[in-house]
Amino acid sequence: QVQLVESGGGLVQPGGSLRLSCVASGIMFSRYNMGWYRQAPGKQRELVALIFSGGTTNYAYSVKGRFTISRDNAKNTVYLQMNSLKPEDTAVYYCNGKIASYNYWGQGTQVTVSS
């Protein structure tokens, strides 16, 4: 049974930081390309950051320089360090694991940036 479990969301003031974690089970984690996506109310789900199995990373333009994605294959975990948070970063953040035709999602964690 495949599970992706996110944690680390919450309420933070503008300019603050949060670190999201996603622990995977039931997959050969090191072979998967892992990503973070987000969905704000009334908007489509969008890619935030990707980290490929080899370690290469890609970021959405809106978060480049503020967010950092990383992975620890020994812990089957992918992280998203979010700095300099803005109100427009408010969304449900989802973890995604993908390889070939296999595509898995976590349940999401809410991030709210507000004063």
Protein backbone atom coordinates (compact mmCIF):
# COMPACT_ATOMS: atom_id res chain seq x y z
CA GLN A 1 0.00 0.00 0.00
CA VAL A 2 1.46 3.31 -1.10
CA GLN A 3 1.24 6.26 1.26
CA LEU A 4 2.56 9.80 1.05
CA VAL A 5 2.03 11.67 4.31
CA GLU A 6 2.65 15.40 4.49
CA SER A 7 3.25 17.43 7.63
CA GLY A 8 4.53 20.83 8.66
CA GLY A 9 1.77 23.12 7.43
CA GLY A 10 0.23 25.84 9.53
CA LEU A 11 -0.36 29.54 9.99
CA VAL A 12 2.60 31.87 9.53
CA GLN A 13 3.01 35.63 9.20
CA PRO A 14 4.21 37.19 5.94
CA GLY A 15 7.97 36.96 5.74
CA GLY A 16 8.04 33.85 7.89
CA SER A 17 9.22 30.33 7.17
CA LEU A 18 7.85 26.81 7.23
CA ARG A 19 9.30 23.42 6.37
CA LEU A 20 7.02 20.80 4.90
CA SER A 21 7.87 17.11 5.05
CA CYS A 22 6.47 14.18 3.10
CA VAL A 23 7.21 10.63 4.19
CA ALA A 24 6.64 7.94 1.58
CA SER A 25 5.98 4.26 2.15
CA GLY A 26 5.24 1.37 -0.17
CA ILE A 27 7.45 2.65 -3.00
CA MET A 28 11.12 2.46 -3.95
CA PHE A 29 11.51 6.08 -2.96
CA SER A 30 14.97 6.68 -4.36
CA ARG A 31 13.76 5.88 -7.88
CA TYR A 32 10.83 8.28 -7.80
CA ASN A 33 10.74 11.86 -8.99
CA MET A 34 9.19 13.79 -6.13
CA GLY A 35 7.33 17.05 -6.23
CA TRP A 36 5.36 19.58 -4.27
CA TYR A 37 2.20 21.07 -5.74
CA ARG A 38 -0.28 23.53 -4.28
CA GLN A 39 -3.89 24.47 -4.80
CA ALA A 40 -5.41 27.73 -3.64
CA PRO A 41 -9.19 28.16 -3.31
CA GLY A 42 -10.79 28.59 -6.72
CA LYS A 43 -7.55 27.87 -8.57
CA GLN A 44 -6.04 24.88 -10.33
CA ARG A 45 -3.38 22.78 -8.70
CA GLU A 46 0.06 24.04 -9.73
CA LEU A 47 3.59 22.75 -9.57
CA VAL A 48 5.76 24.34 -6.88
CA ALA A 49 8.98 22.34 -7.02
CA LEU A 50 10.38 19.08 -8.34
CA ILE A 51 13.35 16.96 -7.37
CA PHE A 52 14.28 14.18 -9.72
CA SER A 53 15.67 10.84 -8.62
CA GLY A 54 19.15 12.03 -9.57
CA GLY A 55 18.82 15.18 -7.47
CA THR A 56 18.13 17.80 -10.16
CA THR A 57 15.60 20.39 -9.03
CA ASN A 58 13.08 22.63 -10.79
CA TYR A 59 11.02 25.45 -9.33
CA ALA A 60 8.02 27.50 -10.30
CA TYR A 61 9.06 31.05 -11.13
CA SER A 62 6.92 32.41 -8.30
CA VAL A 63 8.90 30.55 -5.61
CA LYS A 64 12.40 30.51 -7.08
CA GLY A 65 14.90 31.88 -4.59
CA ARG A 66 12.48 31.51 -1.67
CA PHE A 67 11.69 27.78 -1.59
CA THR A 68 14.09 24.84 -1.54
CA ILE A 69 13.16 21.23 -2.24
CA SER A 70 15.36 18.42 -0.94
CA ARG A 71 15.17 14.71 -0.32
CA ASP A 72 16.61 12.16 2.08
CA ASN A 73 16.44 8.77 0.44
CA ALA A 74 17.51 7.02 3.64
CA LYS A 75 14.40 8.40 5.34
CA ASN A 76 12.05 8.14 2.32
CA THR A 77 11.32 11.81 2.85
CA VAL A 78 11.08 14.90 0.66
CA TYR A 79 11.15 18.38 2.14
CA LEU A 80 10.06 21.83 1.09
CA GLN A 81 11.75 24.69 2.93
CA MET A 82 9.68 27.82 2.43
CA ASN A 83 11.18 31.19 3.31
CA SER A 84 9.97 34.76 2.84
CA LEU A 85 6.40 33.54 2.68
CA LYS A 86 3.77 35.74 1.08
CA PRO A 87 -0.02 35.77 1.43
CA GLU A 88 -0.25 34.47 -2.13
CA ASP A 89 1.56 31.30 -1.01
CA THR A 90 -1.57 30.36 0.95
CA ALA A 91 -2.80 27.00 -0.36
CA VAL A 92 -3.09 23.32 0.34
CA TYR A 93 0.30 21.79 -0.45
CA TYR A 94 0.43 18.28 -1.88
CA CYS A 95 3.31 15.84 -2.14
CA ASN A 96 3.60 13.85 -5.37
CA GLY A 97 5.68 10.84 -6.34
CA LYS A 98 5.97 9.81 -9.96
CA ILE A 99 7.80 7.28 -12.10
CA ALA A 100 6.69 6.01 -15.51
CA SER A 101 2.92 5.42 -15.26
CA TYR A 102 2.92 5.39 -11.47
CA ASN A 103 1.68 8.63 -9.91
CA TYR A 104 0.86 9.04 -6.22
CA TRP A 105 -0.46 11.93 -4.12
CA GLY A 106 -0.54 12.75 -0.46
CA GLN A 107 -3.61 14.10 1.32
CA GLY A 108 -2.29 17.65 1.51
CA THR A 109 -1.32 20.06 4.25
CA GLN A 110 -2.71 23.57 4.66
CA VAL A 111 -0.35 26.55 4.58
CA THR A 112 -1.84 29.91 5.50
CA VAL A 113 0.20 33.10 5.30
CA SER A 114 -1.55 35.91 7.07
CA SER A 115 -0.96 38.65 9.62
